[in-house]
Amino acid sequence: MEQVKVQMKMAHKAASLEKQEQYYLRIGKQVQDANAELQKLSEQSEKLRTERIEKQDCYDKEMLKENERERAVRAVHQLEQVKEAVMTFASLKAQVTLDEKSGKLVNDFVKKLFRNTCRSKRKLRKSLKKNRSGKSGCSLS
């Protein structure tokens, strides 16, 4: 009887050890599966990150091209404005030259432009005088 109890205890321990071994094997398998899944997800993440960076670089290049196009369009527009201004100035200069021969400035635009220029010069001189007098008349009290 005693021997049967010992054998039962041994059998029970053996079964318990076998269950523990299966449990640890199952846990080990789960850890391996989790590590494999983690590696797979890490690779996918790296791939997506690389794709995102490539797309961002492509987008940045497109934006640079678009900015260059816009700058070129603005530059052409500014050149056209300058060309118009030069042509206007040349035609006004020709009119003033013709009118000076007769001794009169007939063009009202040229008269207004001349008056505004003179006013601007006077205002500039006044402000310069104020600035000079303000600096020299300042005392440290």
Foldseek 3Di string as FASTA:
>chain_A
DVVVVVVVVVVVVVVVVVVVVVVVVVVVVVVVVVVVVVVVVVVVVVVVVVVVVVVVVVVVVVVVVVVVVVVVVVVVVVVVVVVVVVVVVVVQVVLCVVVVVVPDDPDVVVVVVVVVVVVVVVVVVVVVVVVVCVVVVDDDD
